[in-house]
Protein backbone atom coordinates (compact mmCIF):
# COMPACT_ATOMS: atom_id res chain seq x y z
CA MET A 1 -69.61 162.27 -57.84
CA ASN A 2 -68.98 163.95 -54.51
CA THR A 3 -72.02 163.59 -52.20
CA THR A 4 -70.39 164.83 -49.02
CA THR A 5 -72.78 166.93 -46.95
CA PRO A 6 -71.44 170.47 -46.57
CA PRO A 7 -70.76 171.61 -43.00
CA PRO A 8 -73.30 173.92 -41.34
CA LEU A 9 -72.79 177.63 -41.59
CA PRO A 10 -70.95 179.19 -38.64
CA ASP A 11 -74.02 181.16 -37.54
CA ALA A 12 -76.39 178.20 -37.73
CA LYS A 13 -78.33 177.60 -34.51
CA PRO A 14 -79.26 173.92 -34.15
CA GLU A 15 -82.20 172.92 -32.00
CA PRO A 16 -81.21 172.11 -28.41
CA GLN A 17 -80.55 168.42 -27.92
CA PRO A 18 -83.12 166.22 -26.14
CA GLY A 19 -82.82 166.34 -22.36
CA ARG A 20 -80.68 169.48 -22.39
CA LEU A 21 -83.28 172.19 -22.21
CA SER A 22 -82.32 174.45 -19.34
CA VAL A 23 -81.70 178.06 -18.37
CA LEU A 24 -78.36 177.85 -20.19
CA THR A 25 -80.00 176.87 -23.48
CA LEU A 26 -82.52 179.64 -22.83
CA LEU A 27 -79.63 182.09 -22.48
CA LYS A 28 -78.22 181.04 -25.85
CA GLN A 29 -81.39 180.29 -27.84
CA PRO A 30 -84.59 181.48 -26.13
CA ALA A 31 -86.87 181.00 -29.12
CA ALA A 32 -85.45 177.58 -30.02
CA THR A 33 -85.70 176.44 -26.40
CA VAL A 34 -89.37 177.23 -26.01
CA GLY A 35 -90.07 175.87 -29.50
CA ALA A 36 -88.36 172.57 -28.65
CA ALA A 37 -90.22 172.35 -25.34
CA VAL A 38 -93.59 172.83 -27.05
CA ALA A 39 -92.74 170.36 -29.81
CA ARG A 40 -91.70 167.69 -27.29
CA GLY A 41 -94.53 168.39 -24.84
CA GLU A 42 -92.04 169.40 -22.13
CA GLU A 43 -93.58 172.72 -21.13
CA THR A 44 -94.37 171.60 -17.57
CA ALA A 45 -90.98 169.94 -16.97
CA LEU A 46 -89.10 172.95 -18.30
CA THR A 47 -91.26 175.33 -16.25
CA VAL A 48 -90.28 173.41 -13.11
CA ARG A 49 -86.57 173.63 -14.04
CA PHE A 50 -86.85 177.34 -14.74
CA THR A 51 -88.72 177.97 -11.47
CA VAL A 52 -86.16 176.07 -9.39
CA SER A 53 -83.33 177.93 -11.13
CA ALA A 54 -85.07 181.27 -10.58
CA VAL A 55 -85.59 180.63 -6.85
CA LEU A 56 -81.99 179.54 -6.33
CA CYS A 57 -80.52 182.44 -8.31
CA LEU A 58 -82.74 185.05 -6.66
CA ALA A 59 -81.89 183.64 -3.24
CA VAL A 60 -78.17 183.81 -3.99
CA PHE A 61 -78.48 187.45 -5.05
CA GLY A 62 -80.51 188.16 -1.92
CA LEU A 63 -77.81 186.55 0.21
CA VAL A 64 -75.22 188.87 -1.34
CA LEU A 65 -77.45 191.87 -0.59
CA GLY A 66 -77.84 190.59 2.95
CA THR A 67 -74.08 190.66 3.54
CA TYR A 68 -74.29 194.46 3.58
CA ALA A 69 -75.99 194.46 6.99
CA SER A 70 -75.36 190.80 7.97
CA GLY A 71 -77.17 189.40 11.01
CA ALA A 72 -80.80 188.48 10.34
CA GLN A 73 -80.58 189.95 6.85
CA LEU A 74 -78.52 186.94 5.76
CA TRP A 75 -81.70 184.84 5.81
CA ALA A 76 -84.39 187.53 5.52
CA VAL A 77 -83.22 189.17 2.29
CA PRO A 78 -82.80 185.90 0.30
CA LEU A 79 -86.29 184.87 1.45
CA LYS A 80 -87.76 188.23 0.46
CA VAL A 81 -86.03 188.44 -2.94
CA ALA A 82 -86.91 184.88 -4.00
CA GLY A 83 -90.42 184.96 -2.57
CA GLY A 84 -91.08 188.47 -3.86
CA GLY A 85 -90.04 187.51 -7.39
CA LEU A 86 -92.41 184.53 -7.44
CA PHE A 87 -95.24 186.56 -5.89
CA ALA A 88 -94.85 189.34 -8.48
CA ALA A 89 -94.92 186.75 -11.27
CA LEU A 90 -98.15 185.23 -9.96
CA LEU A 91 -99.76 188.66 -9.62
CA CYS A 92 -98.94 189.45 -13.24
CA LEU A 93 -99.79 186.02 -14.68
CA PRO A 94 -103.46 186.73 -15.57
CA SER A 95 -102.59 189.95 -17.40
CA LEU A 96 -99.78 188.18 -19.30
CA ILE A 97 -102.29 185.64 -20.62
CA ILE A 98 -104.75 188.37 -21.63
CA PHE A 99 -102.18 190.57 -23.38
CA GLY A 100 -100.55 187.53 -24.99
CA VAL A 101 -103.81 186.29 -26.50
CA MET A 102 -104.66 189.81 -27.67
CA GLY A 103 -101.25 189.96 -29.34
CA GLY A 104 -101.95 186.81 -31.36
CA MET A 105 -100.12 184.24 -29.22
CA ASP A 106 -101.24 180.65 -28.84
CA LEU A 107 -101.11 181.02 -25.07
CA GLY A 108 -102.69 179.02 -22.30
CA LEU A 109 -101.82 178.63 -18.64
CA ARG A 110 -98.96 176.16 -19.19
CA ARG A 111 -97.23 178.27 -21.83
CA ALA A 112 -97.77 181.47 -19.86
CA LEU A 113 -96.07 179.83 -16.88
CA LEU A 114 -93.25 178.76 -19.17
CA LEU A 115 -92.75 182.35 -20.37
CA LEU A 116 -92.85 183.73 -16.84
CA SER A 117 -90.53 181.13 -15.32
CA GLY A 118 -88.10 181.50 -18.22
CA MET A 119 -87.96 185.26 -17.78
CA LEU A 120 -87.44 184.92 -14.02
CA ALA A 121 -84.78 182.22 -14.42
CA LEU A 122 -82.76 184.26 -16.89
CA THR A 123 -83.18 187.41 -14.79
CA GLY A 124 -81.96 185.49 -11.76
CA LEU A 125 -78.99 184.11 -13.68
CA MET A 126 -77.96 187.62 -14.67
CA LEU A 127 -78.33 188.79 -11.07
CA VAL A 128 -75.95 186.04 -9.98
CA GLY A 129 -73.55 187.26 -12.65
CA PHE A 130 -73.67 190.76 -11.16
CA ALA A 131 -73.50 189.48 -7.56
CA PRO A 132 -69.69 189.83 -7.18
CA VAL A 133 -69.98 193.54 -7.98
CA VAL A 134 -72.70 193.96 -5.36
CA TRP A 135 -70.63 192.03 -2.81
CA LEU A 136 -67.62 194.29 -3.39
CA PHE A 137 -69.62 197.41 -2.56
CA SER A 138 -71.46 195.70 0.30
CA VAL A 139 -68.18 195.16 2.15
CA SER A 140 -66.54 198.45 1.19
CA THR A 141 -69.23 201.13 1.60
CA ALA A 142 -71.58 202.19 4.39
CA SER A 143 -74.04 204.16 2.23
CA ASP A 144 -77.56 202.69 2.29
CA ASN A 145 -78.63 205.05 -0.49
CA PHE A 146 -75.84 204.02 -2.84
CA MET A 147 -76.39 200.31 -2.15
CA GLY A 148 -80.09 200.73 -2.85
CA PHE A 149 -79.37 202.61 -6.07
CA LEU A 150 -76.87 199.94 -7.16
CA ALA A 151 -79.30 197.10 -6.41
CA VAL A 152 -82.13 198.76 -8.37
CA VAL A 153 -79.93 199.50 -11.41
CA ILE A 154 -78.55 195.97 -11.52
CA ALA A 155 -82.01 194.46 -11.05
CA LEU A 156 -83.38 196.55 -13.93
CA LEU A 157 -80.50 195.53 -16.20
CA ALA A 158 -81.06 191.87 -15.37
CA PHE A 159 -84.80 192.24 -15.95
CA ILE A 160 -84.24 193.88 -19.35
CA ILE A 161 -82.11 190.92 -20.43
CA GLY A 162 -84.72 188.48 -19.12
CA SER A 163 -87.51 190.40 -20.87
CA ARG A 164 -85.67 190.33 -24.20
CA ALA A 165 -85.55 186.55 -23.95
CA GLN A 166 -89.24 186.49 -23.04
CA TRP A 167 -90.05 188.54 -26.15
CA LYS A 168 -88.16 186.05 -28.32
CA MET A 169 -90.04 183.18 -26.69
CA ALA A 170 -93.32 185.02 -27.24
CA ALA A 171 -92.50 185.52 -30.91
CA GLN A 172 -91.95 181.77 -31.19
CA LEU A 173 -95.49 181.29 -29.85
CA GLY A 174 -97.01 183.60 -32.45
CA LEU A 175 -96.81 187.10 -30.96
CA ARG A 176 -97.71 189.63 -33.69
CA GLN A 177 -98.82 192.79 -31.86
CA VAL A 178 -96.25 193.87 -29.28
CA GLY A 179 -98.12 196.76 -27.65
CA GLY A 180 -99.80 194.63 -25.01
CA LEU A 181 -96.56 192.90 -24.01
CA CYS A 182 -94.88 196.31 -23.75
CA LEU A 183 -97.55 197.45 -21.29
CA TRP A 184 -97.22 194.20 -19.35
CA THR A 185 -93.45 194.62 -19.04
CA VAL A 186 -93.84 198.15 -17.65
CA MET A 187 -96.53 196.95 -15.24
CA PHE A 188 -94.30 194.13 -14.00
CA ILE A 189 -91.51 196.61 -13.28
CA PHE A 190 -93.88 198.77 -11.20
CA VAL A 191 -95.10 195.72 -9.29
CA ILE A 192 -91.52 194.74 -8.41
CA LEU A 193 -90.67 198.30 -7.36
CA GLN A 194 -93.75 198.51 -5.14
CA LEU A 195 -92.83 195.21 -3.52
CA THR A 196 -89.48 196.70 -2.49
CA CYS A 197 -91.51 198.93 -0.18
CA THR A 198 -93.62 196.11 1.28
CA LEU A 199 -90.58 193.83 1.72
CA ARG A 200 -88.32 196.51 3.19
CA PRO A 201 -85.68 196.68 4.42
CA LEU A 202 -83.73 194.87 1.72
CA ILE A 203 -80.82 197.22 2.41
CA GLY A 204 -79.86 198.12 5.97
CA GLN A 205 -80.59 196.64 9.36
CA TYR A 206 -83.42 194.13 9.85
CA ASP A 207 -86.50 195.41 11.70
CA ARG A 208 -89.31 193.08 10.63
CA LEU A 209 -90.06 190.59 7.89
CA LEU A 210 -92.94 192.40 6.15
CA HIS A 211 -94.61 195.83 6.19
CA VAL A 212 -98.11 194.81 5.08
CA ASN A 213 -100.09 197.15 7.35
CA GLU A 214 -98.33 200.36 6.29
CA LYS A 215 -99.40 201.75 2.91
CA ARG A 216 -96.66 203.67 1.15
CA PHE A 217 -95.77 204.32 -2.49
CA PHE A 218 -92.28 203.09 -3.35
CA ILE A 219 -91.06 206.54 -4.49
CA THR A 220 -92.20 208.03 -1.16
CA HIS A 221 -90.27 205.32 0.63
CA TRP A 222 -87.11 206.06 -1.37
CA VAL A 223 -87.41 209.82 -0.79
CA ASP A 224 -87.88 209.31 2.96
CA ARG A 225 -84.78 207.11 3.13
CA GLY A 226 -82.78 209.76 1.32
CA LYS A 227 -83.50 212.45 3.89
C-alpha cells in the first residue's frame, strides 16, 4: 500500500518559518505573517523590525529626492521623509485602534503598532523600488513642479500597496466591517499630504528645516508653487 504523502499544491502558502518574519515575508504573505507573529507572541519584535525597515527605506527615498537640489537637502529631505512618516503614523494611531475595534478586530496597542509599522515598512520598500526612476528624473530635469508631481504619484502608489497589505493583516485579526478602515486610510493620506506643506521644501532648494509657524493648506501650497 502506497502511503507516500502527496506534494503540496503549487499555490499553497506555507506559514513563514520561525525566525524569518520580516518585511519580505510581509510582501509575500501579509496575513500569514501577522498571524504567525500573533501565534508566536512576536508582535513587539516584528514591530521593531518593521519600524527599522520603514525608517531606513523612507530615508533612502528621501536621499534620492534630495539629489534633485543637493546641498543641505541631502540630509534634510531624508530626515523629513523618515520622521514625517513616523509622525503621521503616531498621529493616526488612536483612530486606527478605534476604527479597528468598531470593525470587529481584536486590536490593542501592540497589534495596532504592528499594523502601522507593517504598512509603513512595505510602503517604504516600494518607495525604494521606485527610487531609481525618481533619481533618473532628478538628474535630468529642472522642473520643480514635475518632480513634485512625480514624488506624490509614486508615494500614493507605494501607499496603496502598503494599505492593501494592511487590509489583509487586519482581516487576519478579525476585521469584518471595512467602512471604518476605509475612512482611516483616506484620513492618513490627507495627514501625509498636509505634512508635505509643514516639511517643505522636499523638492527644491533648502531654506529651513520646518515651517511650523506658517499655516497653509497643502493644496494652497501646491497652487502657489505652480504660479
